[in-house]
Amino acid sequence: SSEPGAVESCYRKLTEVRRLWAFRSVLPASMRLPEAPPWEGE
């Protein structure tokens, strides 16, 4: 969020983190994100 540039780029990056969280059950346990949604689902 502190990077200068397009807001669209920040949205895409956060969307990919959420996508990674959504597929967490497919990943090995050591690579999974926590069970709670990123940023408390905000």
Full PDB file with SEQRES, HELIX, SHEET, SSBOND, CRYST1, ORIGX, SCALE, CONECT and MASTER records, all heavy atoms in Angstrom:
SEQRES   1 A   42  SER SER GLU PRO GLY ALA VAL GLU SER CYS TYR ARG LYS          
SEQRES   2 A   42  LEU THR GLU VAL ARG ARG LEU TRP ALA PHE ARG SER VAL          
SEQRES   3 A   42  LEU PRO ALA SER MET ARG LEU PRO GLU ALA PRO PRO TRP          
SEQRES   4 A   42  GLU GLY GLU                                                  
HELIX    1 AA1 VAL A    7  ALA A   22  1                                  16    
HELIX    2 AA2 ARG A   24  VAL A   26  5                                   3    
HELIX    3 AA3 ALA A   29  MET A   31  5                                   3    
HELIX    4 AA4 PRO A   38  GLY A   41  5                                   4    
CRYST1    1.000    1.000    1.000  90.00  90.00  90.00 P 1           1          
ORIGX1      1.000000  0.000000  0.000000        0.00000                         
ORIGX2      0.000000  1.000000  0.000000        0.00000                         
ORIGX3      0.000000  0.000000  1.000000        0.00000                         
SCALE1      1.000000  0.000000  0.000000        0.00000                         
SCALE2      0.000000  1.000000  0.000000        0.00000                         
SCALE3      0.000000  0.000000  1.000000        0.00000                         
ATOM      1  N   SER A   1       0.823  -1.219   0.000  1.00  0.00           N  
ATOM      2  CA  SER A   1       0.000   0.000   0.000  1.00  0.00           C  
ATOM      3  C   SER A   1       0.852   1.262   0.000  1.00  0.00           C  
ATOM      4  O   SER A   1       0.374   2.336  -0.343  1.00  0.00           O  
ATOM      5  CB  SER A   1      -0.966   0.002   1.184  1.00  0.00           C  
ATOM      6  OG  SER A   1      -0.261   0.013   2.403  1.00  0.00           O  
ATOM      7  N   SER A   2       2.133   1.133   0.353  1.00  0.00           N  
ATOM      8  CA  SER A   2       3.006   2.310   0.334  1.00  0.00           C  
ATOM      9  C   SER A   2       3.708   2.483  -1.012  1.00  0.00           C  
ATOM     10  O   SER A   2       4.338   3.507  -1.249  1.00  0.00           O  
ATOM     11  CB  SER A   2       4.056   2.211   1.448  1.00  0.00           C  
ATOM     12  OG  SER A   2       4.915   1.120   1.215  1.00  0.00           O  
ATOM     13  N   GLU A   3       3.585   1.485  -1.894  1.00  0.00           N  
ATOM     14  CA  GLU A   3       4.204   1.588  -3.218  1.00  0.00           C  
ATOM     15  C   GLU A   3       3.479   2.631  -4.050  1.00  0.00           C  
ATOM     16  O   GLU A   3       2.253   2.654  -4.085  1.00  0.00           O  
ATOM     17  CB  GLU A   3       4.130   0.245  -3.950  1.00  0.00           C  
ATOM     18  CG  GLU A   3       4.969  -0.841  -3.367  1.00  0.00           C  
ATOM     19  CD  GLU A   3       4.765  -2.164  -4.101  1.00  0.00           C  
ATOM     20  OE1 GLU A   3       3.969  -2.223  -5.056  1.00  0.00           O  
ATOM     21  OE2 GLU A   3       5.405  -3.143  -3.691  1.00  0.00           O  
ATOM     22  N   PRO A   4       4.235   3.480  -4.732  1.00  0.00           N  
ATOM     23  CA  PRO A   4       3.576   4.415  -5.646  1.00  0.00           C  
ATOM     24  C   PRO A   4       3.093   3.633  -6.866  1.00  0.00           C  
ATOM     25  O   PRO A   4       3.684   2.637  -7.253  1.00  0.00           O  
ATOM     26  CB  PRO A   4       4.694   5.392  -6.019  1.00  0.00           C  
ATOM     27  CG  PRO A   4       5.952   4.621  -5.807  1.00  0.00           C  
ATOM     28  CD  PRO A   4       5.675   3.649  -4.712  1.00  0.00           C  
ATOM     29  N   GLY A   5       2.010   4.058  -7.432  1.00  0.00           N  
ATOM     30  CA  GLY A   5       1.525   3.361  -8.627  1.00  0.00           C  
ATOM     31  C   GLY A   5       0.036   3.144  -8.587  1.00  0.00           C  
ATOM     32  O   GLY A   5      -0.679   3.716  -7.764  1.00  0.00           O  
ATOM     33  N   ALA A   6      -0.391   2.287  -9.460  1.00  0.00           N  
ATOM     34  CA  ALA A   6      -1.825   2.057  -9.646  1.00  0.00           C  
ATOM     35  C   ALA A   6      -2.438   1.282  -8.483  1.00  0.00           C  
ATOM     36  O   ALA A   6      -1.831   0.380  -7.932  1.00  0.00           O  
ATOM     37  CB  ALA A   6      -2.051   1.289 -10.942  1.00  0.00           C  
ATOM     38  N   VAL A   7      -3.624   1.662  -8.154  1.00  0.00           N  
ATOM     39  CA  VAL A   7      -4.387   0.981  -7.119  1.00  0.00           C  
ATOM     40  C   VAL A   7      -4.730  -0.427  -7.597  1.00  0.00           C  
ATOM     41  O   VAL A   7      -4.769  -1.375  -6.809  1.00  0.00           O  
ATOM     42  CB  VAL A   7      -5.675   1.773  -6.792  1.00  0.00           C  
ATOM     43  CG1 VAL A   7      -6.561   1.021  -5.825  1.00  0.00           C  
ATOM     44  CG2 VAL A   7      -5.332   3.139  -6.266  1.00  0.00           C  
ATOM     45  N   GLU A   8      -4.925  -0.562  -8.884  1.00  0.00           N  
ATOM     46  CA  GLU A   8      -5.290  -1.854  -9.465  1.00  0.00           C  
ATOM     47  C   GLU A   8      -4.251  -2.925  -9.141  1.00  0.00           C  
ATOM     48  O   GLU A   8      -4.585  -4.075  -8.862  1.00  0.00           O  
ATOM     49  CB  GLU A   8      -5.450  -1.715 -10.984  1.00  0.00           C  
ATOM     50  CG  GLU A   8      -6.164  -2.851 -11.629  1.00  0.00           C  
ATOM     51  CD  GLU A   8      -7.624  -2.961 -11.202  1.00  0.00           C  
ATOM     52  OE1 GLU A   8      -8.262  -1.934 -10.925  1.00  0.00           O  
ATOM     53  OE2 GLU A   8      -8.101  -4.105 -11.123  1.00  0.00           O  
ATOM     54  N   SER A   9      -2.983  -2.551  -9.151  1.00  0.00           N  
ATOM     55  CA  SER A   9      -1.908  -3.490  -8.829  1.00  0.00           C  
ATOM     56  C   SER A   9      -2.030  -3.988  -7.390  1.00  0.00           C  
ATOM     57  O   SER A   9      -1.865  -5.186  -7.122  1.00  0.00           O  
ATOM     58  CB  SER A   9      -0.552  -2.807  -9.031  1.00  0.00           C  
ATOM     59  OG  SER A   9       0.480  -3.606  -8.551  1.00  0.00           O  
ATOM     60  N   CYS A  10      -2.338  -3.110  -6.473  1.00  0.00           N  
ATOM     61  CA  CYS A  10      -2.517  -3.502  -5.067  1.00  0.00           C  
ATOM     62  C   CYS A  10      -3.704  -4.442  -4.921  1.00  0.00           C  
ATOM     63  O   CYS A  10      -3.637  -5.430  -4.190  1.00  0.00           O  
ATOM     64  CB  CYS A  10      -2.717  -2.277  -4.189  1.00  0.00           C  
ATOM     65  SG  CYS A  10      -1.257  -1.240  -4.032  1.00  0.00           S  
ATOM     66  N   TYR A  11      -4.788  -4.149  -5.622  1.00  0.00           N  
ATOM     67  CA  TYR A  11      -5.963  -5.007  -5.568  1.00  0.00           C  
ATOM     68  C   TYR A  11      -5.623  -6.411  -6.055  1.00  0.00           C  
ATOM     69  O   TYR A  11      -6.023  -7.401  -5.450  1.00  0.00           O  
ATOM     70  CB  TYR A  11      -7.096  -4.434  -6.422  1.00  0.00           C  
ATOM     71  CG  TYR A  11      -7.992  -3.501  -5.668  1.00  0.00           C  
ATOM     72  CD1 TYR A  11      -7.641  -2.170  -5.486  1.00  0.00           C  
ATOM     73  CD2 TYR A  11      -9.185  -3.935  -5.128  1.00  0.00           C  
ATOM     74  CE1 TYR A  11      -8.463  -1.306  -4.786  1.00  0.00           C  
ATOM     75  CE2 TYR A  11     -10.017  -3.083  -4.428  1.00  0.00           C  
ATOM     76  CZ  TYR A  11      -9.647  -1.775  -4.267  1.00  0.00           C  
ATOM     77  OH  TYR A  11     -10.461  -0.932  -3.573  1.00  0.00           O  
ATOM     78  N   ARG A  12      -4.896  -6.506  -7.176  1.00  0.00           N  
ATOM     79  CA  ARG A  12      -4.535  -7.815  -7.717  1.00  0.00           C  
ATOM     80  C   ARG A  12      -3.673  -8.600  -6.742  1.00  0.00           C  
ATOM     81  O   ARG A  12      -3.859  -9.799  -6.554  1.00  0.00           O  
ATOM     82  CB  ARG A  12      -3.813  -7.649  -9.049  1.00  0.00           C  
ATOM     83  CG  ARG A  12      -4.765  -7.362 -10.202  1.00  0.00           C  
ATOM     84  CD  ARG A  12      -4.095  -7.563 -11.549  1.00  0.00           C  
ATOM     85  NE  ARG A  12      -2.848  -6.841 -11.678  1.00  0.00           N  
ATOM     86  CZ  ARG A  12      -2.715  -5.622 -12.168  1.00  0.00           C  
ATOM     87  NH1 ARG A  12      -3.790  -4.961 -12.564  1.00  0.00           N  
ATOM     88  NH2 ARG A  12      -1.537  -5.044 -12.268  1.00  0.00           N  
ATOM     89  N   LYS A  13      -2.729  -7.938  -6.099  1.00  0.00           N  
ATOM     90  CA  LYS A  13      -1.848  -8.621  -5.150  1.00  0.00           C  
ATOM     91  C   LYS A  13      -2.632  -9.154  -3.945  1.00  0.00           C  
ATOM     92  O   LYS A  13      -2.412 -10.281  -3.506  1.00  0.00           O  
ATOM     93  CB  LYS A  13      -0.737  -7.682  -4.687  1.00  0.00           C  
ATOM     94  CG  LYS A  13       0.255  -7.375  -5.789  1.00  0.00           C  
ATOM     95  CD  LYS A  13       1.265  -6.337  -5.362  1.00  0.00           C  
ATOM     96  CE  LYS A  13       2.201  -5.984  -6.505  1.00  0.00           C  
ATOM     97  NZ  LYS A  13       3.124  -4.911  -6.137  1.00  0.00           N  
ATOM     98  N   LEU A  14      -3.540  -8.355  -3.424  1.00  0.00           N  
ATOM     99  CA  LEU A  14      -4.344  -8.803  -2.286  1.00  0.00           C  
ATOM    100  C   LEU A  14      -5.302  -9.924  -2.690  1.00  0.00           C  
ATOM    101  O   LEU A  14      -5.550 -10.857  -1.918  1.00  0.00           O  
ATOM    102  CB  LEU A  14      -5.117  -7.642  -1.674  1.00  0.00           C  
ATOM    103  CG  LEU A  14      -4.272  -6.551  -1.017  1.00  0.00           C  
ATOM    104  CD1 LEU A  14      -5.161  -5.477  -0.409  1.00  0.00           C  
ATOM    105  CD2 LEU A  14      -3.335  -7.121   0.021  1.00  0.00           C  
ATOM    106  N   THR A  15      -5.810  -9.849  -3.919  1.00  0.00           N  
ATOM    107  CA  THR A  15      -6.681 -10.908  -4.423  1.00  0.00           C  
ATOM    108  C   THR A  15      -5.937 -12.229  -4.508  1.00  0.00           C  
ATOM    109  O   THR A  15      -6.488 -13.286  -4.176  1.00  0.00           O  
ATOM    110  CB  THR A  15      -7.245 -10.526  -5.807  1.00  0.00           C  
ATOM    111  OG1 THR A  15      -8.023  -9.341  -5.668  1.00  0.00           O  
ATOM    112  CG2 THR A  15      -8.105 -11.635  -6.392  1.00  0.00           C  
ATOM    113  N   GLU A  16      -4.683 -12.184  -4.911  1.00  0.00           N  
ATOM    114  CA  GLU A  16      -3.899 -13.422  -5.004  1.00  0.00           C  
ATOM    115  C   GLU A  16      -3.597 -14.002  -3.636  1.00  0.00           C  
ATOM    116  O   GLU A  16      -3.569 -15.222  -3.471  1.00  0.00           O  
ATOM    117  CB  GLU A  16      -2.615 -13.188  -5.799  1.00  0.00           C  
ATOM    118  CG  GLU A  16      -2.858 -12.912  -7.270  1.00  0.00           C  
ATOM    119  CD  GLU A  16      -3.770 -13.933  -7.936  1.00  0.00           C  
ATOM    120  OE1 GLU A  16      -3.597 -15.153  -7.698  1.00  0.00           O  
ATOM    121  OE2 GLU A  16      -4.668 -13.524  -8.682  1.00  0.00           O  
ATOM    122  N   VAL A  17      -3.408 -13.168  -2.639  1.00  0.00           N  
ATOM    123  CA  VAL A  17      -3.213 -13.680  -1.276  1.00  0.00           C  
ATOM    124  C   VAL A  17      -4.495 -14.373  -0.818  1.00  0.00           C  
ATOM    125  O   VAL A  17      -4.457 -15.462  -0.233  1.00  0.00           O  
ATOM    126  CB  VAL A  17      -2.821 -12.554  -0.293  1.00  0.00           C  
ATOM    127  CG1 VAL A  17      -2.867 -13.041   1.148  1.00  0.00           C  
ATOM    128  CG2 VAL A  17      -1.444 -12.007  -0.634  1.00  0.00           C  
ATOM    129  N   ARG A  18      -5.642 -13.775  -1.114  1.00  0.00           N  
ATOM    130  CA  ARG A  18      -6.920 -14.382  -0.728  1.00  0.00           C  
ATOM    131  C   ARG A  18      -7.138 -15.700  -1.487  1.00  0.00           C  
ATOM    132  O   ARG A  18      -7.668 -16.656  -0.933  1.00  0.00           O  
ATOM    133  CB  ARG A  18      -8.067 -13.419  -0.993  1.00  0.00           C  
ATOM    134  CG  ARG A  18      -8.038 -12.204  -0.080  1.00  0.00           C  
ATOM    135  CD  ARG A  18      -9.189 -11.265  -0.410  1.00  0.00           C  
ATOM    136  NE  ARG A  18      -8.987  -9.939   0.085  1.00  0.00           N  
ATOM    137  CZ  ARG A  18      -9.293  -9.533   1.307  1.00  0.00           C  
ATOM    138  NH1 ARG A  18      -9.795 -10.366   2.175  1.00  0.00           N  
ATOM    139  NH2 ARG A  18      -9.080  -8.280   1.670  1.00  0.00           N  
ATOM    140  N   ARG A  19      -6.718 -15.751  -2.747  1.00  0.00           N  
ATOM    141  CA  ARG A  19      -6.845 -16.980  -3.530  1.00  0.00           C  
ATOM    142  C   ARG A  19      -5.971 -18.089  -2.926  1.00  0.00           C  
ATOM    143  O   ARG A  19      -6.387 -19.235  -2.819  1.00  0.00           O  
ATOM    144  CB  ARG A  19      -6.448 -16.726  -4.979  1.00  0.00           C  
ATOM    145  CG  ARG A  19      -6.735 -17.894  -5.900  1.00  0.00           C  
ATOM    146  CD  ARG A  19      -6.243 -17.643  -7.326  1.00  0.00           C  
ATOM    147  NE  ARG A  19      -6.381 -16.290  -7.772  1.00  0.00           N  
ATOM    148  CZ  ARG A  19      -7.388 -15.826  -8.519  1.00  0.00           C  
ATOM    149  NH1 ARG A  19      -8.354 -16.638  -8.877  1.00  0.00           N  
ATOM    150  NH2 ARG A  19      -7.414 -14.564  -8.910  1.00  0.00           N  
ATOM    151  N   LEU A  20      -4.758 -17.726  -2.535  1.00  0.00           N  
ATOM    152  CA  LEU A  20      -3.860 -18.684  -1.890  1.00  0.00           C  
ATOM    153  C   LEU A  20      -4.483 -19.208  -0.607  1.00  0.00           C  
ATOM    154  O   LEU A  20      -4.417 -20.400  -0.314  1.00  0.00           O  
ATOM    155  CB  LEU A  20      -2.505 -18.026  -1.604  1.00  0.00           C  
ATOM    156  CG  LEU A  20      -1.460 -18.896  -0.932  1.00  0.00           C  
ATOM    157  CD1 LEU A  20      -1.058 -20.042  -1.845  1.00  0.00           C  
ATOM    158  CD2 LEU A  20      -0.235 -18.066  -0.569  1.00  0.00           C  
ATOM    159  N   TRP A  21      -5.128 -18.320   0.152  1.00  0.00           N  
ATOM    160  CA  TRP A  21      -5.792 -18.742   1.380  1.00  0.00           C  
ATOM    161  C   TRP A  21      -6.951 -19.691   1.054  1.00  0.00           C  
ATOM    162  O   TRP A  21      -7.168 -20.688   1.752  1.00  0.00           O  
ATOM    163  CB  TRP A  21      -6.300 -17.528   2.155  1.00  0.00           C  
ATOM    164  CG  TRP A  21      -7.089 -17.921   3.350  1.00  0.00           C  
ATOM    165  CD1 TRP A  21      -6.613 -18.331   4.562  1.00  0.00           C  
ATOM    166  CD2 TRP A  21      -8.514 -17.988   3.459  1.00  0.00           C  
ATOM    167  NE1 TRP A  21      -7.643 -18.633   5.408  1.00  0.00           N  
ATOM    168  CE2 TRP A  21      -8.829 -18.430   4.756  1.00  0.00           C  
ATOM    169  CE3 TRP A  21      -9.551 -17.700   2.571  1.00  0.00           C  
ATOM    170  CZ2 TRP A  21     -10.129 -18.601   5.182  1.00  0.00           C  
ATOM    171  CZ3 TRP A  21     -10.854 -17.876   3.006  1.00  0.00           C  
ATOM    172  CH2 TRP A  21     -11.124 -18.327   4.301  1.00  0.00           C  
ATOM    173  N   ALA A  22      -7.708 -19.397  -0.012  1.00  0.00           N  
ATOM    174  CA  ALA A  22      -8.863 -20.221  -0.369  1.00  0.00           C  
ATOM    175  C   ALA A  22      -8.458 -21.655  -0.712  1.00  0.00           C  
ATOM    176  O   ALA A  22      -9.213 -22.588  -0.463  1.00  0.00           O  
ATOM    177  CB  ALA A  22      -9.613 -19.592  -1.540  1.00  0.00           C  
ATOM    178  N   PHE A  23      -7.256 -21.828  -1.261  1.00  0.00           N  
ATOM    179  CA  PHE A  23      -6.778 -23.155  -1.644  1.00  0.00           C  
ATOM    180  C   PHE A  23      -5.807 -23.736  -0.619  1.00  0.00           C  
ATOM    181  O   PHE A  23      -5.032 -24.636  -0.928  1.00  0.00           O  
ATOM    182  CB  PHE A  23      -6.120 -23.106  -3.026  1.00  0.00           C  
ATOM    183  CG  PHE A  23      -7.107 -22.906  -4.139  1.00  0.00           C  
ATOM    184  CD1 PHE A  23      -7.225 -21.668  -4.749  1.00  0.00           C  
ATOM    185  CD2 PHE A  23      -7.931 -23.936  -4.553  1.00  0.00           C  
ATOM    186  CE1 PHE A  23      -8.137 -21.470  -5.775  1.00  0.00           C  
ATOM    187  CE2 PHE A  23      -8.847 -23.749  -5.571  1.00  0.00           C  
ATOM    188  CZ  PHE A  23      -8.958 -22.518  -6.189  1.00  0.00           C  
ATOM    189  N   ARG A  24      -5.868 -23.228   0.585  1.00  0.00           N  
ATOM    190  CA  ARG A  24      -4.912 -23.644   1.618  1.00  0.00           C  
ATOM    191  C   ARG A  24      -4.981 -25.130   1.928  1.00  0.00           C  
ATOM    192  O   ARG A  24      -3.986 -25.748   2.238  1.00  0.00           O  
ATOM    193  CB  ARG A  24      -5.103 -22.823   2.890  1.00  0.00           C  
ATOM    194  CG  ARG A  24      -6.411 -23.054   3.604  1.00  0.00           C  
ATOM    195  CD  ARG A  24      -6.568 -22.190   4.833  1.00  0.00           C  
ATOM    196  NE  ARG A  24      -5.612 -22.501   5.874  1.00  0.00           N  
ATOM    197  CZ  ARG A  24      -5.715 -23.551   6.687  1.00  0.00           C  
ATOM    198  NH1 ARG A  24      -6.717 -24.385   6.550  1.00  0.00           N  
ATOM    199  NH2 ARG A  24      -4.816 -23.772   7.603  1.00  0.00           N  
ATOM    200  N   SER A  25      -6.129 -25.738   1.807  1.00  0.00           N  
ATOM    201  CA  SER A  25      -6.257 -27.157   2.138  1.00  0.00           C  
ATOM    202  C   SER A  25      -5.507 -28.055   1.162  1.00  0.00           C  
ATOM    203  O   SER A  25      -5.210 -29.201   1.476  1.00  0.00           O  
ATOM    204  CB  SER A  25      -7.731 -27.561   2.182  1.00  0.00           C  
ATOM    205  OG  SER A  25      -8.318 -27.375   0.910  1.00  0.00           O  
ATOM    206  N   VAL A  26      -5.179 -27.540  -0.016  1.00  0.00           N  
ATOM    207  CA  VAL A  26      -4.460 -28.320  -1.020  1.00  0.00           C  
ATOM    208  C   VAL A  26      -2.951 -28.315  -0.737  1.00  0.00           C  
ATOM    209  O   VAL A  26      -2.241 -29.228  -1.145  1.00  0.00           O  
ATOM    210  CB  VAL A  26      -4.732 -27.745  -2.430  1.00  0.00           C  
ATOM    211  CG1 VAL A  26      -4.011 -28.530  -3.499  1.00  0.00           C  
ATOM    212  CG2 VAL A  26      -6.225 -27.719  -2.703  1.00  0.00           C  
ATOM    213  N   LEU A  27      -2.490 -27.304  -0.025  1.00  0.00           N  
ATOM    214  CA  LEU A  27      -1.060 -27.157   0.245  1.00  0.00           C  
ATOM    215  C   LEU A  27      -0.616 -28.032   1.415  1.00  0.00           C  
ATOM    216  O   LEU A  27      -1.426 -28.378   2.275  1.00  0.00           O  
ATOM    217  CB  LEU A  27      -0.749 -25.691   0.569  1.00  0.00           C  
ATOM    218  CG  LEU A  27      -1.030 -24.681  -0.542  1.00  0.00           C  
ATOM    219  CD1 LEU A  27      -0.887 -23.276   0.006  1.00  0.00           C  
ATOM    220  CD2 LEU A  27      -0.103 -24.905  -1.709  1.00  0.00           C  
ATOM    221  N   PRO A  28       0.673 -28.350   1.461  1.00  0.00           N  
ATOM    222  CA  PRO A  28       1.189 -29.057   2.633  1.00  0.00           C  
ATOM    223  C   PRO A  28       0.995 -28.201   3.890  1.00  0.00           C  
ATOM    224  O   PRO A  28       0.996 -26.973   3.823  1.00  0.00           O  
ATOM    225  CB  PRO A  28       2.677 -29.231   2.325  1.00  0.00           C  
ATOM    226  CG  PRO A  28       2.828 -28.982   0.871  1.00  0.00           C  
ATOM    227  CD  PRO A  28       1.695 -28.116   0.448  1.00  0.00           C  
ATOM    228  N   ALA A  29       0.858 -28.844   5.029  1.00  0.00           N  
ATOM    229  CA  ALA A  29       0.570 -28.141   6.286  1.00  0.00           C  
ATOM    230  C   ALA A  29       1.596 -27.056   6.592  1.00  0.00           C  
ATOM    231  O   ALA A  29       1.249 -25.994   7.113  1.00  0.00           O  
ATOM    232  CB  ALA A  29       0.507 -29.137   7.434  1.00  0.00           C  
ATOM    233  N   SER A  30       2.846 -27.268   6.254  1.00  0.00           N  
ATOM    234  CA  SER A  30       3.888 -26.283   6.563  1.00  0.00           C  
ATOM    235  C   SER A  30       3.780 -25.016   5.712  1.00  0.00           C  
ATOM    236  O   SER A  30       4.351 -23.986   6.053  1.00  0.00           O  
ATOM    237  CB  SER A  30       5.272 -26.903   6.375  1.00  0.00           C  
ATOM    238  OG  SER A  30       5.450 -27.275   5.003  1.00  0.00           O  
ATOM    239  N   MET A  31       3.033 -25.082   4.604  1.00  0.00           N  
ATOM    240  CA  MET A  31       2.920 -23.934   3.695  1.00  0.00           C  
ATOM    241  C   MET A  31       1.565 -23.233   3.775  1.00  0.00           C  
ATOM    242  O   MET A  31       1.337 -22.257   3.070  1.00  0.00           O  
ATOM    243  CB  MET A  31       3.164 -24.401   2.255  1.00  0.00           C  
ATOM    244  CG  MET A  31       4.536 -24.989   2.033  1.00  0.00           C  
ATOM    245  SD  MET A  31       4.742 -25.631   0.368  1.00  0.00           S  
ATOM    246  CE  MET A  31       4.687 -24.134  -0.587  1.00  0.00           C  
ATOM    247  N   ARG A  32       0.685 -23.725   4.618  1.00  0.00           N  
ATOM    248  CA  ARG A  32      -0.672 -23.173   4.675  1.00  0.00           C  
ATOM    249  C   ARG A  32      -0.730 -21.842   5.416  1.00  0.00           C  
ATOM    250  O   ARG A  32      -0.018 -21.635   6.384  1.00  0.00           O  
ATOM    251  CB  ARG A  32      -1.600 -24.149   5.388  1.00  0.00           C  
ATOM    252  CG  ARG A  32      -1.866 -25.386   4.601  1.00  0.00           C  
ATOM    253  CD  ARG A  32      -2.791 -26.300   5.345  1.00  0.00           C  
ATOM    254  NE  ARG A  32      -2.921 -27.543   4.597  1.00  0.00           N  
ATOM    255  CZ  ARG A  32      -3.405 -28.644   5.096  1.00  0.00           C  
ATOM    256  NH1 ARG A  32      -3.814 -28.670   6.358  1.00  0.00           N  
ATOM    257  NH2 ARG A  32      -3.497 -29.719   4.368  1.00  0.00           N  
ATOM    258  N   LEU A  33      -1.643 -20.997   4.960  1.00  0.00           N  
ATOM    259  CA  LEU A  33      -1.970 -19.780   5.699  1.00  0.00           C  
ATOM    260  C   LEU A  33      -2.859 -20.180   6.874  1.00  0.00           C  
ATOM    261  O   LEU A  33      -3.471 -21.250   6.861  1.00  0.00           O  
ATOM    262  CB  LEU A  33      -2.701 -18.792   4.792  1.00  0.00           C  
ATOM    263  CG  LEU A  33      -1.842 -18.112   3.718  1.00  0.00           C  
ATOM    264  CD1 LEU A  33      -2.728 -17.320   2.770  1.00  0.00           C  
ATOM    265  CD2 LEU A  33      -0.801 -17.214   4.326  1.00  0.00           C  
ATOM    266  N   PRO A  34      -2.980 -19.330   7.892  1.00  0.00           N  
ATOM    267  CA  PRO A  34      -3.844 -19.647   9.039  1.00  0.00           C  
ATOM    268  C   PRO A  34      -5.292 -19.883   8.602  1.00  0.00           C  
ATOM    269  O   PRO A  34      -5.704 -19.453   7.521  1.00  0.00           O  
ATOM    270  CB  PRO A  34      -3.741 -18.407   9.916  1.00  0.00           C  
ATOM    271  CG  PRO A  34      -2.509 -17.718   9.487  1.00  0.00           C  
ATOM    272  CD  PRO A  34      -2.295 -18.060   8.052  1.00  0.00           C  
ATOM    273  N   GLU A  35      -6.066 -20.528   9.462  1.00  0.00           N  
ATOM    274  CA  GLU A  35      -7.456 -20.838   9.124  1.00  0.00           C  
ATOM    275  C   GLU A  35      -8.325 -19.597   8.995  1.00  0.00           C  
ATOM    276  O   GLU A  35      -9.260 -19.572   8.208  1.00  0.00           O  
ATOM    277  CB  GLU A  35      -8.053 -21.781  10.168  1.00  0.00           C  
ATOM    278  CG  GLU A  35      -7.528 -23.181  10.046  1.00  0.00           C  
ATOM    279  CD  GLU A  35      -8.298 -24.153  10.923  1.00  0.00           C  
ATOM    280  OE1 GLU A  35      -9.516 -23.960  11.096  1.00  0.00           O  
ATOM    281  OE2 GLU A  35      -7.659 -25.087  11.413  1.00  0.00           O  
ATOM    282  N   ALA A  36      -8.032 -18.570   9.768  1.00  0.00           N  
ATOM    283  CA  ALA A  36      -8.807 -17.325   9.685  1.00  0.00           C  
ATOM    284  C   ALA A  36      -8.524 -16.636   8.357  1.00  0.00           C  
ATOM    285  O   ALA A  36      -7.392 -16.666   7.870  1.00  0.00           O  
ATOM    286  CB  ALA A  36      -8.439 -16.397  10.840  1.00  0.00           C  
ATOM    287  N   PRO A  37      -9.543 -16.016   7.748  1.00  0.00           N  
ATOM    288  CA  PRO A  37      -9.304 -15.324   6.470  1.00  0.00           C  
ATOM    289  C   PRO A  37      -8.267 -14.216   6.631  1.00  0.00           C  
ATOM    290  O   PRO A  37      -8.164 -13.609   7.701  1.00  0.00           O  
ATOM    291  CB  PRO A  37     -10.668 -14.728   6.119  1.00  0.00           C  
ATOM    292  CG  PRO A  37     -11.634 -15.308   7.052  1.00  0.00           C  
ATOM    293  CD  PRO A  37     -10.908 -15.906   8.198  1.00  0.00           C  
ATOM    294  N   PRO A  38      -7.510 -13.952   5.573  1.00  0.00           N  
ATOM    295  CA  PRO A  38      -6.520 -12.865   5.652  1.00  0.00           C  
ATOM    296  C   PRO A  38      -7.193 -11.540   6.024  1.00  0.00           C  
ATOM    297  O   PRO A  38      -8.263 -11.220   5.518  1.00  0.00           O  
ATOM    298  CB  PRO A  38      -5.946 -12.803   4.236  1.00  0.00           C  
ATOM    299  CG  PRO A  38      -6.239 -14.125   3.627  1.00  0.00           C  
ATOM    300  CD  PRO A  38      -7.496 -14.610   4.278  1.00  0.00           C  
ATOM    301  N   TRP A  39      -6.563 -10.818   6.894  1.00  0.00           N  
ATOM    302  CA  TRP A  39      -7.019  -9.508   7.346  1.00  0.00           C  
ATOM    303  C   TRP A  39      -8.448  -9.574   7.880  1.00  0.00           C  
ATOM    304  O   TRP A  39      -9.257  -8.671   7.661  1.00  0.00           O  
ATOM    305  CB  TRP A  39      -6.880  -8.469   6.232  1.00  0.00           C  
ATOM    306  CG  TRP A  39      -5.494  -8.390   5.729  1.00  0.00           C  
ATOM    307  CD1 TRP A  39      -4.414  -7.855   6.375  1.00  0.00           C  
ATOM    308  CD2 TRP A  39      -4.992  -8.895   4.488  1.00  0.00           C  
ATOM    309  NE1 TRP A  39      -3.284  -8.001   5.612  1.00  0.00           N  
ATOM    310  CE2 TRP A  39      -3.611  -8.637   4.448  1.00  0.00           C  
ATOM    311  CE3 TRP A  39      -5.577  -9.554   3.411  1.00  0.00           C  
ATOM    312  CZ2 TRP A  39      -2.809  -9.011   3.382  1.00  0.00           C  
ATOM    313  CZ3 TRP A  39      -4.780  -9.924   2.359  1.00  0.00           C  
ATOM    314  CH2 TRP A  39      -3.421  -9.648   2.339  1.00  0.00           C  
ATOM    315  N   GLU A  40      -8.771 -10.684   8.533  1.00  0.00           N  
ATOM    316  CA  GLU A  40     -10.074 -10.909   9.174  1.00  0.00           C  
ATOM    317  C   GLU A  40     -11.239 -10.765   8.202  1.00  0.00           C  
ATOM    318  O   GLU A  40     -12.343 -10.397   8.581  1.00  0.00           O  
ATOM    319  CB  GLU A  40     -10.232  -9.985  10.373  1.00  0.00           C  
ATOM    320  CG  GLU A  40      -9.180 -10.236  11.440  1.00  0.00           C  
ATOM    321  CD  GLU A  40      -9.263  -9.252  12.592  1.00  0.00           C  
ATOM    322  OE1 GLU A  40     -10.212  -8.450  12.635  1.00  0.00           O  
ATOM    323  OE2 GLU A  40      -8.366  -9.310  13.444  1.00  0.00           O  
ATOM    324  N   GLY A  41     -10.993 -11.022   6.907  1.00  0.00           N  
ATOM    325  CA  GLY A  41     -12.035 -10.956   5.893  1.00  0.00           C  
ATOM    326  C   GLY A  41     -12.437  -9.555   5.488  1.00  0.00           C  
ATOM    327  O   GLY A  41     -13.429  -9.368   4.785  1.00  0.00           O  
ATOM    328  N   GLU A  42     -11.675  -8.569   5.928  1.00  0.00           N  
ATOM    329  CA  GLU A  42     -12.005  -7.176   5.625  1.00  0.00           C  
ATOM    330  C   GLU A  42     -11.920  -6.912   4.123  1.00  0.00           C  
ATOM    331  O   GLU A  42     -11.087  -7.472   3.419  1.00  0.00           O  
ATOM    332  CB  GLU A  42     -11.051  -6.243   6.382  1.00  0.00           C  
ATOM    333  CG  GLU A  42     -11.531  -4.822   6.435  1.00  0.00           C  
ATOM    334  CD  GLU A  42     -10.711  -3.975   7.391  1.00  0.00           C  
ATOM    335  OE1 GLU A  42      -9.985  -4.525   8.231  1.00  0.00           O  
ATOM    336  OE2 GLU A  42     -10.807  -2.754   7.273  1.00  0.00           O  
TER     337      GLU A  42                                                      
MASTER        0    0    0    4    0    0    0    6  336    1    0    4          
END                                                                             
